PDB file of N, CA and C in Angstrom:
ATOM      1  N   MET A   1      85.943  82.167  48.668  1.00  0.00           N
ATOM      2  CA  MET A   1      86.385  83.450  47.934  1.00  0.00           C
ATOM      3  C   MET A   1      85.484  84.562  47.822  1.00  0.00           C
ATOM      4  N   ARG A   2      86.183  85.807  48.122  1.00  0.00           N
ATOM      5  CA  ARG A   2      85.671  87.067  48.529  1.00  0.00           C
ATOM      6  C   ARG A   2      85.514  87.619  46.438  1.00  0.00           C
ATOM      7  N   ARG A   3      84.549  88.086  46.062  1.00  0.00           N
ATOM      8  CA  ARG A   3      84.480  88.523  45.143  1.00  0.00           C
ATOM      9  C   ARG A   3      84.965  90.208  44.994  1.00  0.00           C
ATOM     10  N   SER A   4      85.610  91.074  43.906  1.00  0.00           N
ATOM     11  CA  SER A   4      86.389  92.293  43.947  1.00  0.00           C
ATOM     12  C   SER A   4      84.989  93.046  43.461  1.00  0.00           C
ATOM     13  N   SER A   5      85.432  94.568  43.809  1.00  0.00           N
ATOM     14  CA  SER A   5      84.012  95.093  43.791  1.00  0.00           C
ATOM     15  C   SER A   5      84.068  94.896  42.191  1.00  0.00           C
ATOM     16  N   LYS A   6      84.520  95.034  41.478  1.00  0.00           N
ATOM     17  CA  LYS A   6      84.415  95.158  40.042  1.00  0.00           C
ATOM     18  C   LYS A   6      83.560  93.613  39.375  1.00  0.00           C
ATOM     19  N   GLU A   7      83.927  93.153  40.019  1.00  0.00           N
ATOM     20  CA  GLU A   7      82.640  91.709  39.899  1.00  0.00           C
ATOM     21  C   GLU A   7      81.292  91.808  40.355  1.00  0.00           C
ATOM     22  N   GLU A   8      81.587  92.570  41.429  1.00  0.00           N
ATOM     23  CA  GLU A   8      79.865  92.668  42.415  1.00  0.00           C
ATOM     24  C   GLU A   8      79.092  94.148  41.170  1.00  0.00           C
ATOM     25  N   LYS A   9      79.707  94.783  41.385  1.00  0.00           N
ATOM     26  CA  LYS A   9      78.624  95.799  40.709  1.00  0.00           C
ATOM     27  C   LYS A   9      78.682  95.191  39.310  1.00  0.00           C
ATOM     28  N   ARG A  10      79.486  94.008  38.355  1.00  0.00           N
ATOM     29  CA  ARG A  10      78.933  93.144  37.325  1.00  0.00           C
ATOM     30  C   ARG A  10      78.416  92.418  37.624  1.00  0.00           C
ATOM     31  N   ALA A  11      77.725  91.948  38.751  1.00  0.00           N
ATOM     32  CA  ALA A  11      76.815  90.714  39.709  1.00  0.00           C
ATOM     33  C   ALA A  11      75.353  91.934  39.473  1.00  0.00           C
ATOM     34  N   VAL A  12      75.645  93.093  40.171  1.00  0.00           N
ATOM     35  CA  VAL A  12      74.358  93.952  40.082  1.00  0.00           C
ATOM     36  C   VAL A  12      73.825  94.098  39.035  1.00  0.00           C
ATOM     37  N   ARG A  13      74.726  94.555  37.886  1.00  0.00           N
ATOM     38  CA  ARG A  13      74.065  94.829  36.886  1.00  0.00           C
ATOM     39  C   ARG A  13      73.670  93.484  35.994  1.00  0.00           C
ATOM     40  N   ALA A  14      74.757  92.796  35.862  1.00  0.00           N
ATOM     41  CA  ALA A  14      74.069  91.573  35.353  1.00  0.00           C
ATOM     42  C   ALA A  14      72.398  90.940  36.143  1.00  0.00           C
ATOM     43  N   GLU A  15      72.109  91.070  37.057  1.00  0.00           N
ATOM     44  CA  GLU A  15      70.815  90.961  38.186  1.00  0.00           C
ATOM     45  C   GLU A  15      69.567  92.094  37.342  1.00  0.00           C
ATOM     46  N   TYR A  16      70.387  93.254  37.460  1.00  0.00           N
ATOM     47  CA  TYR A  16      69.061  94.304  37.194  1.00  0.00           C
ATOM     48  C   TYR A  16      68.924  94.152  35.432  1.00  0.00           C
ATOM     49  N   TRP A  17      69.853  93.610  34.536  1.00  0.00           N
ATOM     50  CA  TRP A  17      69.816  93.321  33.177  1.00  0.00           C
ATOM     51  C   TRP A  17      68.300  92.320  32.967  1.00  0.00           C
ATOM     52  N   ARG A  18      68.699  91.318  33.531  1.00  0.00           N
ATOM     53  CA  ARG A  18      68.081  89.896  33.775  1.00  0.00           C
ATOM     54  C   ARG A  18      66.922  90.330  34.190  1.00  0.00           C
ATOM     55  N   GLU A  19      66.457  91.260  35.448  1.00  0.00           N
ATOM     56  CA  GLU A  19      65.163  91.411  35.546  1.00  0.00           C
ATOM     57  C   GLU A  19      64.072  92.559  34.799  1.00  0.00           C
ATOM     58  N   LEU A  20      64.735  93.184  34.000  1.00  0.00           N
ATOM     59  CA  LEU A  20      64.744  93.871  33.058  1.00  0.00           C
ATOM     60  C   LEU A  20      64.018  93.499  31.688  1.00  0.00           C
ATOM     61  N   ILE A  21      65.057  92.324  31.102  1.00  0.00           N
ATOM     62  CA  ILE A  21      64.709  91.592  30.000  1.00  0.00           C
ATOM     63  C   ILE A  21      63.127  90.378  31.184  1.00  0.00           C
ATOM     64  N   ALA A  22      63.423  89.709  31.514  1.00  0.00           N
ATOM     65  CA  ALA A  22      62.578  89.220  31.969  1.00  0.00           C
ATOM     66  C   ALA A  22      60.659  89.827  32.282  1.00  0.00           C
ATOM     67  N   GLU A  23      60.907  91.009  32.588  1.00  0.00           N
ATOM     68  CA  GLU A  23      59.665  91.954  32.352  1.00  0.00           C
ATOM     69  C   GLU A  23      59.363  92.829  31.048  1.00  0.00           C
ATOM     70  N   GLN A  24      60.377  92.304  30.553  1.00  0.00           N
ATOM     71  CA  GLN A  24      59.984  92.922  28.896  1.00  0.00           C
ATOM     72  C   GLN A  24      59.310  91.591  28.262  1.00  0.00           C
ATOM     73  N   LYS A  25      59.707  90.728  28.877  1.00  0.00           N
ATOM     74  CA  LYS A  25      59.429  89.110  28.176  1.00  0.00           C
ATOM     75  C   LYS A  25      57.312  89.033  28.420  1.00  0.00           C
ATOM     76  N   ARG A  26      57.098  89.201  29.893  1.00  0.00           N
ATOM     77  CA  ARG A  26      56.067  89.480  30.592  1.00  0.00           C
ATOM     78  C   ARG A  26      54.866  89.801  30.020  1.00  0.00           C
ATOM     79  N   SER A  27      55.595  91.770  29.355  1.00  0.00           N
ATOM     80  CA  SER A  27      54.668  92.625  28.968  1.00  0.00           C
ATOM     81  C   SER A  27      54.050  92.349  27.559  1.00  0.00           C
ATOM     82  N   GLY A  28      54.945  91.525  27.493  1.00  0.00           N
ATOM     83  CA  GLY A  28      54.407  91.279  25.934  1.00  0.00           C
ATOM     84  C   GLY A  28      54.564  92.615  25.076  1.00  0.00           C
ATOM     85  N   VAL A  29      55.294  93.918  24.971  1.00  0.00           N
ATOM     86  CA  VAL A  29      55.421  94.932  24.402  1.00  0.00           C
ATOM     87  C   VAL A  29      56.844  94.601  23.528  1.00  0.00           C
ATOM     88  N   SER A  30      56.804  95.124  22.473  1.00  0.00           N
ATOM     89  CA  SER A  30      58.066  94.966  21.850  1.00  0.00           C
ATOM     90  C   SER A  30      59.404  95.827  22.520  1.00  0.00           C
ATOM     91  N   VAL A  31      60.293  95.218  22.512  1.00  0.00           N
ATOM     92  CA  VAL A  31      61.459  95.755  22.609  1.00  0.00           C
ATOM     93  C   VAL A  31      62.113  97.465  22.406  1.00  0.00           C
ATOM     94  N   GLN A  32      61.896  97.984  21.555  1.00  0.00           N
ATOM     95  CA  GLN A  32      61.822  98.984  21.196  1.00  0.00           C
ATOM     96  C   GLN A  32      60.591  99.530  21.805  1.00  0.00           C
ATOM     97  N   ARG A  33      59.472  99.306  22.083  1.00  0.00           N
ATOM     98  CA  ARG A  33      58.622 100.043  23.306  1.00  0.00           C
ATOM     99  C   ARG A  33      58.911 100.157  24.473  1.00  0.00           C
ATOM    100  N   PHE A  34      59.583  98.799  25.369  1.00  0.00           N
ATOM    101  CA  PHE A  34      59.622  98.450  26.055  1.00  0.00           C
ATOM    102  C   PHE A  34      60.869  99.635  26.389  1.00  0.00           C
ATOM    103  N   CYS A  35      62.269  99.491  25.821  1.00  0.00           N
ATOM    104  CA  CYS A  35      63.302 100.511  25.951  1.00  0.00           C
ATOM    105  C   CYS A  35      62.971 101.825  25.919  1.00  0.00           C
ATOM    106  N   GLU A  36      62.103 102.327  24.886  1.00  0.00           N
ATOM    107  CA  GLU A  36      61.555 103.586  24.798  1.00  0.00           C
ATOM    108  C   GLU A  36      61.001 104.508  26.018  1.00  0.00           C
ATOM    109  N   ASP A  37      60.136 103.373  26.959  1.00  0.00           N
ATOM    110  CA  ASP A  37      59.481 103.675  28.089  1.00  0.00           C
ATOM    111  C   ASP A  37      60.084 103.755  29.283  1.00  0.00           C
ATOM    112  N   ARG A  38      61.531 103.389  29.533  1.00  0.00           N
ATOM    113  CA  ARG A  38      61.921 103.156  30.398  1.00  0.00           C
ATOM    114  C   ARG A  38      63.502 104.115  29.999  1.00  0.00           C
ATOM    115  N   GLY A  39      63.764 104.609  29.071  1.00  0.00           N
ATOM    116  CA  GLY A  39      64.644 105.276  28.359  1.00  0.00           C
ATOM    117  C   GLY A  39      66.219 104.770  28.425  1.00  0.00           C
ATOM    118  N   LEU A  40      66.152 103.300  28.129  1.00  0.00           N
ATOM    119  CA  LEU A  40      66.691 102.615  27.541  1.00  0.00           C
ATOM    120  C   LEU A  40      67.289 102.620  26.178  1.00  0.00           C
ATOM    121  N   THR A  41      68.411 102.253  25.804  1.00  0.00           N
ATOM    122  CA  THR A  41      68.663 101.597  24.040  1.00  0.00           C
ATOM    123  C   THR A  41      68.639 100.232  24.288  1.00  0.00           C
ATOM    124  N   GLU A  42      68.217 100.309  22.939  1.00  0.00           N
ATOM    125  CA  GLU A  42      68.021  98.856  22.357  1.00  0.00           C
ATOM    126  C   GLU A  42      69.248  98.068  22.138  1.00  0.00           C
ATOM    127  N   GLN A  43      69.862  98.940  21.692  1.00  0.00           N
ATOM    128  CA  GLN A  43      71.404  98.093  21.527  1.00  0.00           C
ATOM    129  C   GLN A  43      71.648  97.503  22.987  1.00  0.00           C
ATOM    130  N   SER A  44      71.970  98.460  23.846  1.00  0.00           N
ATOM    131  CA  SER A  44      71.956  97.615  25.524  1.00  0.00           C
ATOM    132  C   SER A  44      71.261  96.419  25.804  1.00  0.00           C
ATOM    133  N   PHE A  45      69.795  96.631  25.207  1.00  0.00           N
ATOM    134  CA  PHE A  45      69.127  95.538  26.169  1.00  0.00           C
ATOM    135  C   PHE A  45      69.402  94.372  24.690  1.00  0.00           C
ATOM    136  N   TYR A  46      69.817  94.572  23.457  1.00  0.00           N
ATOM    137  CA  TYR A  46      70.328  93.546  23.204  1.00  0.00           C
ATOM    138  C   TYR A  46      71.679  92.552  23.336  1.00  0.00           C
ATOM    139  N   VAL A  47      72.200  93.608  23.899  1.00  0.00           N
ATOM    140  CA  VAL A  47      73.506  93.264  24.156  1.00  0.00           C
ATOM    141  C   VAL A  47      73.482  92.461  25.549  1.00  0.00           C
ATOM    142  N   TRP A  48      72.869  93.006  26.482  1.00  0.00           N
ATOM    143  CA  TRP A  48      72.689  92.301  27.993  1.00  0.00           C
ATOM    144  C   TRP A  48      71.884  90.929  27.847  1.00  0.00           C
ATOM    145  N   ARG A  49      70.794  90.934  26.683  1.00  0.00           N
ATOM    146  CA  ARG A  49      69.997  89.427  26.726  1.00  0.00           C
ATOM    147  C   ARG A  49      71.037  88.405  26.096  1.00  0.00           C
ATOM    148  N   LYS A  50      72.063  88.846  24.949  1.00  0.00           N
ATOM    149  CA  LYS A  50      72.503  87.871  24.395  1.00  0.00           C
ATOM    150  C   LYS A  50      74.093  87.590  25.731  1.00  0.00           C
ATOM    151  N   ARG A  51      74.286  88.294  25.867  1.00  0.00           N
ATOM    152  CA  ARG A  51      75.470  87.759  27.180  1.00  0.00           C
ATOM    153  C   ARG A  51      74.892  87.475  28.416  1.00  0.00           C
ATOM    154  N   LEU A  52      73.892  87.904  28.592  1.00  0.00           N
ATOM    155  CA  LEU A  52      72.803  86.705  29.787  1.00  0.00           C
ATOM    156  C   LEU A  52      72.322  84.904  29.850  1.00  0.00           C
ATOM    157  N   LYS A  53      71.542  85.155  28.190  1.00  0.00           N
ATOM    158  CA  LYS A  53      71.328  84.381  27.407  1.00  0.00           C
ATOM    159  C   LYS A  53      73.038  83.041  27.564  1.00  0.00           C
ATOM    160  N   LYS A  54      74.085  83.426  27.257  1.00  0.00           N
ATOM    161  CA  LYS A  54      75.549  82.584  27.090  1.00  0.00           C
ATOM    162  C   LYS A  54      75.810  82.241  28.323  1.00  0.00           C
ATOM    163  N   GLU A  55      75.661  83.407  29.481  1.00  0.00           N
ATOM    164  CA  GLU A  55      76.092  82.996  30.693  1.00  0.00           C
ATOM    165  C   GLU A  55      75.517  82.269  31.551  1.00  0.00           C
ATOM    166  N   THR A  56      73.619  81.937  31.516  1.00  0.00           N
ATOM    167  CA  THR A  56      73.006  81.509  32.007  1.00  0.00           C
ATOM    168  C   THR A  56      73.039  80.317  31.886  1.00  0.00           C
ATOM    169  N   PRO A  57      74.008  79.231  32.562  1.00  0.00           N
ATOM    170  CA  PRO A  57      72.949  77.463  32.270  1.00  0.00           C
ATOM    171  C   PRO A  57      71.774  77.146  32.955  1.00  0.00           C
ATOM    172  N   MET A  58      71.348  76.100  32.033  1.00  0.00           N
ATOM    173  CA  MET A  58      69.867  75.597  32.920  1.00  0.00           C
ATOM    174  C   MET A  58      69.547  75.839  34.293  1.00  0.00           C
ATOM    175  N   GLN A  59      69.122  75.841  34.874  1.00  0.00           N
ATOM    176  CA  GLN A  59      69.211  75.319  36.277  1.00  0.00           C
ATOM    177  C   GLN A  59      67.733  75.191  36.902  1.00  0.00           C
ATOM    178  N   PHE A  60      67.654  74.060  37.093  1.00  0.00           N
ATOM    179  CA  PHE A  60      66.229  73.354  37.699  1.00  0.00           C
ATOM    180  C   PHE A  60      66.344  73.548  39.238  1.00  0.00           C
ATOM    181  N   ALA A  61      65.029  74.128  40.016  1.00  0.00           N
ATOM    182  CA  ALA A  61      64.551  74.487  40.964  1.00  0.00           C
ATOM    183  C   ALA A  61      64.011  72.937  41.742  1.00  0.00           C
ATOM    184  N   LEU A  62      63.819  72.385  41.123  1.00  0.00           N
ATOM    185  CA  LEU A  62      62.741  71.114  41.586  1.00  0.00           C
ATOM    186  C   LEU A  62      62.374  70.081  40.629  1.00  0.00           C
ATOM    187  N   VAL A  63      62.555  68.885  40.970  1.00  0.00           N
ATOM    188  CA  VAL A  63      61.877  67.672  40.524  1.00  0.00           C
ATOM    189  C   VAL A  63      61.042  66.777  40.862  1.00  0.00           C
ATOM    190  N   GLN A  64      60.257  66.332  40.387  1.00  0.00           N
ATOM    191  CA  GLN A  64      58.931  65.567  41.409  1.00  0.00           C
ATOM    192  C   GLN A  64      58.824  64.867  40.504  1.00  0.00           C
ATOM    193  N   THR A  65      58.937  63.351  40.913  1.00  0.00           N
ATOM    194  CA  THR A  65      58.187  62.287  40.050  1.00  0.00           C
ATOM    195  C   THR A  65      56.888  61.937  40.907  1.00  0.00           C
ATOM    196  N   GLY A  66      56.554  61.312  39.939  1.00  0.00           N
ATOM    197  CA  GLY A  66      54.855  60.116  40.911  1.00  0.00           C
ATOM    198  C   GLY A  66      54.014  61.513  40.141  1.00  0.00           C
ATOM    199  N   SER A  67      52.845  61.604  40.229  1.00  0.00           N
ATOM    200  CA  SER A  67      51.624  61.816  39.957  1.00  0.00           C
ATOM    201  C   SER A  67      51.549  63.644  41.064  1.00  0.00           C
ATOM    202  N   THR A  68      51.307  64.232  39.922  1.00  0.00           N
ATOM    203  CA  THR A  68      50.862  66.192  40.483  1.00  0.00           C
ATOM    204  C   THR A  68      49.772  66.563  40.444  1.00  0.00           C
ATOM    205  N   GLY A  69      48.822  65.991  40.144  1.00  0.00           N
ATOM    206  CA  GLY A  69      47.484  66.373  39.895  1.00  0.00           C
ATOM    207  C   GLY A  69      47.105  66.169  38.731  1.00  0.00           C
ATOM    208  N   ASP A  70      46.255  67.192  38.098  1.00  0.00           N
ATOM    209  CA  ASP A  70      45.669  67.317  36.802  1.00  0.00           C
ATOM    210  C   ASP A  70      46.532  67.412  35.484  1.00  0.00           C
ATOM    211  N   THR A  71      46.906  66.781  34.803  1.00  0.00           N
ATOM    212  CA  THR A  71      47.863  67.272  34.033  1.00  0.00           C
ATOM    213  C   THR A  71      47.574  67.280  32.557  1.00  0.00           C
ATOM    214  N   GLY A  72      46.125  67.407  32.598  1.00  0.00           N
ATOM    215  CA  GLY A  72      45.433  67.561  30.987  1.00  0.00           C
ATOM    216  C   GLY A  72      45.385  66.160  30.131  1.00  0.00           C
ATOM    217  N   GLY A  73      44.759  65.169  30.783  1.00  0.00           N
ATOM    218  CA  GLY A  73      44.848  64.125  30.160  1.00  0.00           C
ATOM    219  C   GLY A  73      45.544  62.977  30.635  1.00  0.00           C
ATOM    220  N   GLY A  74      46.241  62.842  31.892  1.00  0.00           N
ATOM    221  CA  GLY A  74      46.708  61.569  32.088  1.00  0.00           C
ATOM    222  C   GLY A  74      47.745  61.852  33.413  1.00  0.00           C
ATOM    223  N   GLU A  75      48.079  61.184  34.060  1.00  0.00           N
ATOM    224  CA  GLU A  75      49.388  61.145  35.200  1.00  0.00           C
ATOM    225  C   GLU A  75      51.003  61.749  34.657  1.00  0.00           C
ATOM    226  N   ALA A  76      51.331  62.234  34.921  1.00  0.00           N
ATOM    227  CA  ALA A  76      52.834  62.330  34.764  1.00  0.00           C
ATOM    228  C   ALA A  76      53.839  61.605  35.301  1.00  0.00           C
ATOM    229  N   ALA A  77      54.832  61.248  35.025  1.00  0.00           N
ATOM    230  CA  ALA A  77      55.192  60.408  35.490  1.00  0.00           C
ATOM    231  C   ALA A  77      56.454  60.930  35.832  1.00  0.00           C
ATOM    232  N   LEU A  78      56.760  62.031  35.110  1.00  0.00           N
ATOM    233  CA  LEU A  78      57.938  62.987  35.367  1.00  0.00           C
ATOM    234  C   LEU A  78      57.654  64.544  35.906  1.00  0.00           C
ATOM    235  N   GLU A  79      57.715  65.597  36.222  1.00  0.00           N
ATOM    236  CA  GLU A  79      57.302  66.606  36.394  1.00  0.00           C
ATOM    237  C   GLU A  79      58.894  67.727  37.038  1.00  0.00           C
ATOM    238  N   VAL A  80      58.845  68.466  35.586  1.00  0.00           N
ATOM    239  CA  VAL A  80      60.435  69.113  36.221  1.00  0.00           C
ATOM    240  C   VAL A  80      60.064  70.628  36.181  1.00  0.00           C
ATOM    241  N   VAL A  81      60.297  71.200  37.361  1.00  0.00           N
ATOM    242  CA  VAL A  81      59.755  73.074  37.384  1.00  0.00           C
ATOM    243  C   VAL A  81      61.232  73.456  37.542  1.00  0.00           C
ATOM    244  N   LEU A  82      60.438  74.409  36.657  1.00  0.00           N
ATOM    245  CA  LEU A  82      62.430  75.240  36.092  1.00  0.00           C
ATOM    246  C   LEU A  82      62.545  76.714  36.740  1.00  0.00           C
ATOM    247  N   LYS A  83      63.797  77.101  37.388  1.00  0.00           N
ATOM    248  CA  LYS A  83      64.166  78.031  37.963  1.00  0.00           C
ATOM    249  C   LYS A  83      62.505  79.244  37.572  1.00  0.00           C
ATOM    250  N   THR A  84      62.469  79.478  36.638  1.00  0.00           N
ATOM    251  CA  THR A  84      61.532  80.882  36.019  1.00  0.00           C
ATOM    252  C   THR A  84      60.436  80.086  36.829  1.00  0.00           C
ATOM    253  N   GLY A  85      60.152  79.382  37.151  1.00  0.00           N
ATOM    254  CA  GLY A  85      58.314  78.506  37.520  1.00  0.00           C
ATOM    255  C   GLY A  85      57.812  77.961  36.259  1.00  0.00           C
ATOM    256  N   GLU A  86      58.360  77.504  35.008  1.00  0.00           N
ATOM    257  CA  GLU A  86      57.740  77.183  34.327  1.00  0.00           C
ATOM    258  C   GLU A  86      57.529  75.801  34.578  1.00  0.00           C
ATOM    259  N   ARG A  87      56.738  74.878  34.028  1.00  0.00           N
ATOM    260  CA  ARG A  87      56.834  73.452  34.853  1.00  0.00           C
ATOM    261  C   ARG A  87      56.755  72.797  33.333  1.00  0.00           C
ATOM    262  N   LEU A  88      57.774  71.319  33.308  1.00  0.00           N
ATOM    263  CA  LEU A  88      57.604  70.822  32.211  1.00  0.00           C
ATOM    264  C   LEU A  88      57.096  69.557  32.676  1.00  0.00           C
ATOM    265  N   ARG A  89      56.055  69.044  32.223  1.00  0.00           N
ATOM    266  CA  ARG A  89      55.524  67.554  32.981  1.00  0.00           C
ATOM    267  C   ARG A  89      55.320  66.320  31.490  1.00  0.00           C
ATOM    268  N   ILE A  90      56.230  65.306  31.850  1.00  0.00           N
ATOM    269  CA  ILE A  90      56.475  64.244  31.118  1.00  0.00           C
ATOM    270  C   ILE A  90      55.731  62.804  31.621  1.00  0.00           C
ATOM    271  N   GLY A  91      55.132  62.864  30.697  1.00  0.00           N
ATOM    272  CA  GLY A  91      54.150  61.806  30.679  1.00  0.00           C
ATOM    273  C   GLY A  91      54.732  60.167  30.938  1.00  0.00           C
ATOM    274  N   SER A  92      54.119  59.160  31.325  1.00  0.00           N
ATOM    275  CA  SER A  92      54.981  57.755  31.066  1.00  0.00           C
ATOM    276  C   SER A  92      55.159  57.461  29.668  1.00  0.00           C
ATOM    277  N   ARG A  93      54.110  57.953  28.653  1.00  0.00           N
ATOM    278  CA  ARG A  93      54.420  57.673  27.555  1.00  0.00           C
ATOM    279  C   ARG A  93      54.721  58.257  26.595  1.00  0.00           C
ATOM    280  N   VAL A  94      56.015  59.098  27.001  1.00  0.00           N
ATOM    281  CA  VAL A  94      55.994  60.357  26.158  1.00  0.00           C
ATOM    282  C   VAL A  94      57.003  59.667  24.795  1.00  0.00           C
ATOM    283  N   ASN A  95      57.195  60.128  23.597  1.00  0.00           N
ATOM    284  CA  ASN A  95      57.767  60.109  22.883  1.00  0.00           C
ATOM    285  C   ASN A  95      59.272  60.475  22.866  1.00  0.00           C
ATOM    286  N   VAL A  96      60.118  59.587  23.014  1.00  0.00           N
ATOM    287  CA  VAL A  96      61.337  59.943  23.224  1.00  0.00           C
ATOM    288  C   VAL A  96      62.485  61.033  22.482  1.00  0.00           C
ATOM    289  N   ALA A  97      62.167  60.572  20.537  1.00  0.00           N
ATOM    290  CA  ALA A  97      62.672  61.344  20.141  1.00  0.00           C
ATOM    291  C   ALA A  97      61.770  63.009  20.449  1.00  0.00           C
ATOM    292  N   ALA A  98      60.615  63.032  20.760  1.00  0.00           N
ATOM    293  CA  ALA A  98      60.126  64.288  20.707  1.00  0.00           C
ATOM    294  C   ALA A  98      60.454  65.182  21.963  1.00  0.00           C
ATOM    295  N   LEU A  99      60.879  64.696  23.071  1.00  0.00           N
ATOM    296  CA  LEU A  99      61.559  64.641  24.357  1.00  0.00           C
ATOM    297  C   LEU A  99      63.004  65.509  24.316  1.00  0.00           C
ATOM    298  N   ARG A 100      63.878  64.973  23.394  1.00  0.00           N
ATOM    299  CA  ARG A 100      65.055  65.247  23.194  1.00  0.00           C
ATOM    300  C   ARG A 100      64.789  66.864  22.663  1.00  0.00           C
ATOM    301  N   LEU A 101      63.869  66.870  21.465  1.00  0.00           N
ATOM    302  CA  LEU A 101      63.871  67.972  21.192  1.00  0.00           C
ATOM    303  C   LEU A 101      63.687  68.976  22.220  1.00  0.00           C
ATOM    304  N   VAL A 102      62.767  69.022  22.883  1.00  0.00           N
ATOM    305  CA  VAL A 102      62.452  69.673  23.892  1.00  0.00           C
ATOM    306  C   VAL A 102      63.750  69.983  24.837  1.00  0.00           C
ATOM    307  N   LEU A 103      64.105  69.067  25.260  1.00  0.00           N
ATOM    308  CA  LEU A 103      65.069  69.428  26.073  1.00  0.00           C
ATOM    309  C   LEU A 103      66.407  70.101  25.619  1.00  0.00           C
ATOM    310  N   ASP A 104      66.477  69.832  24.314  1.00  0.00           N
ATOM    311  CA  ASP A 104      67.761  70.456  23.359  1.00  0.00           C
ATOM    312  C   ASP A 104      67.163  72.227  23.383  1.00  0.00           C
ATOM    313  N   ALA A 105      65.439  72.015  23.148  1.00  0.00           N
ATOM    314  CA  ALA A 105      65.368  73.774  23.525  1.00  0.00           C
ATOM    315  C   ALA A 105      65.500  74.362  24.290  1.00  0.00           C
ATOM    316  N   LEU A 106      65.187  73.755  25.432  1.00  0.00           N
ATOM    317  CA  LEU A 106      65.574  74.190  26.202  1.00  0.00           C
ATOM    318  C   LEU A 106      66.870  74.939  27.241  1.00  0.00           C
ATOM    319  N   ARG A 107      67.719  73.964  26.574  1.00  0.00           N
ATOM    320  CA  ARG A 107      69.387  74.271  26.265  1.00  0.00           C
ATOM    321  C   ARG A 107      69.737  74.793  25.500  1.00  0.00           C
ATOM    322  N   ALA A 108      69.286  75.584  24.625  1.00  0.00           N
ATOM    323  CA  ALA A 108      69.714  76.580  23.757  1.00  0.00           C
ATOM    324  C   ALA A 108      69.147  77.706  24.041  1.00  0.00           C
TER     325      ALA A 108
END
């Protein structure tokens, strides 16, 4: 099913803001400074960040099992690579309660 022109524009705009929000996060500068440097309003930044956070379900890019090389003191039983490129290495002796807390934080 083809998207309407309005939906396409919204998707383009959402991607634009997604990229800006990621850029701000990587930059390490405050939202205020980031917005000032780019001629954006903080209000728009925060509105889009909240909107996109609600819309974006957690998506995994890749799941590998087995040894993935150096994991800082032991082999990982499971490695989850998020769409953002971040990696979550889970050892075979992981504390199940701690793992649940991490997964809940990722879903938030």
